[in-house]
Protein backbone atom coordinates (compact mmCIF):
# COMPACT_ATOMS: atom_id res chain seq x y z
CA MET A 1 -25.97 -23.88 5.52
CA VAL A 2 -24.56 -27.28 6.38
CA CYS A 3 -24.09 -30.63 4.67
CA HIS A 4 -27.31 -32.84 5.25
CA LYS A 5 -24.85 -35.93 5.91
CA CYS A 6 -22.17 -34.65 8.21
CA GLY A 7 -23.01 -31.08 9.40
CA GLU A 8 -19.84 -29.45 7.85
CA PRO A 9 -20.23 -26.24 5.86
CA ALA A 10 -21.97 -26.83 2.53
CA ILE A 11 -20.55 -25.86 -0.79
CA GLY A 12 -23.91 -25.97 -2.56
CA ILE A 13 -27.42 -27.31 -2.94
CA CYS A 14 -28.48 -30.28 -5.07
CA ARG A 15 -30.25 -28.91 -8.06
CA PHE A 16 -32.71 -31.79 -8.04
CA CYS A 17 -33.76 -32.22 -4.41
CA GLY A 18 -32.50 -29.08 -2.48
CA ARG A 19 -30.12 -31.09 0.01
CA ALA A 20 -27.07 -28.96 1.07
CA VAL A 21 -23.66 -30.90 0.40
CA CYS A 22 -20.17 -30.27 1.52
CA LYS A 23 -17.05 -30.72 -0.58
CA GLU A 24 -16.58 -34.32 0.60
CA HIS A 25 -20.09 -35.51 0.04
CA HIS A 26 -20.48 -33.70 -3.36
CA VAL A 27 -20.78 -36.83 -5.50
CA THR A 28 -20.83 -35.57 -9.01
CA THR A 29 -22.76 -33.42 -11.47
CA LEU A 30 -25.56 -34.00 -13.87
CA PRO A 31 -27.06 -32.05 -16.83
CA THR A 32 -30.53 -30.44 -16.14
CA ILE A 33 -33.17 -28.84 -18.33
CA LEU A 34 -33.92 -25.30 -17.52
CA ALA A 35 -36.65 -24.56 -20.17
CA MET A 36 -38.43 -26.12 -22.99
CA TYR A 37 -39.89 -24.37 -26.04
CA LEU A 38 -41.05 -24.99 -29.54
CA GLY A 39 -38.60 -24.07 -32.25
CA ASP A 40 -38.75 -23.76 -35.96
CA GLN A 41 -41.50 -26.13 -37.49
CA GLN A 42 -42.80 -26.80 -33.97
CA THR A 43 -39.71 -28.85 -32.99
CA PRO A 44 -39.40 -29.06 -29.18
CA LYS A 45 -36.08 -27.79 -27.93
CA ALA A 46 -34.48 -27.50 -24.48
CA ILE A 47 -32.16 -25.15 -22.82
CA VAL A 48 -29.78 -27.48 -20.95
CA VAL A 49 -27.15 -26.75 -18.29
CA SER A 50 -24.41 -29.26 -17.64
CA ASN A 51 -22.53 -29.85 -14.51
CA VAL A 52 -25.14 -28.97 -11.91
CA LEU A 53 -24.70 -30.08 -8.42
CA TRP A 54 -26.10 -33.49 -7.52
CA CYS A 55 -26.11 -34.94 -4.07
CA GLY A 56 -25.98 -38.61 -5.21
CA GLU A 57 -28.87 -39.59 -2.87
CA CYS A 58 -31.96 -38.36 -4.77
CA GLN A 59 -32.82 -40.22 -8.01
CA PRO A 60 -33.77 -37.84 -10.86
CA GLN A 61 -36.05 -39.71 -13.04
CA PRO A 62 -35.05 -40.19 -16.82
CA GLU A 63 -38.67 -40.07 -18.05
CA PRO A 64 -41.51 -37.76 -17.14
CA VAL A 65 -43.81 -38.98 -14.22
CA GLU A 66 -47.60 -38.56 -14.50
CA VAL A 67 -49.23 -36.56 -11.77
CA PRO A 68 -53.01 -36.84 -12.35
CA GLU A 69 -53.72 -35.22 -8.99
CA PHE A 70 -52.58 -31.88 -10.53
CA TYR A 71 -55.52 -31.85 -12.96
């Protein structure tokens, strides 16, 4: 697996888009939601993992995106 920018060996894959990144092009990390569920009294809860690899090129959206074509 090689970095999508420079072709050097990658250290990992962006959690959000799947691009491979090397140590030099690894920009930062972001939190991500692994799962959602309803807790006590039907309160929505999330299992969140912090510090997942992010390539810095893709743009994870802060709000849900509607996809009516999936209906």
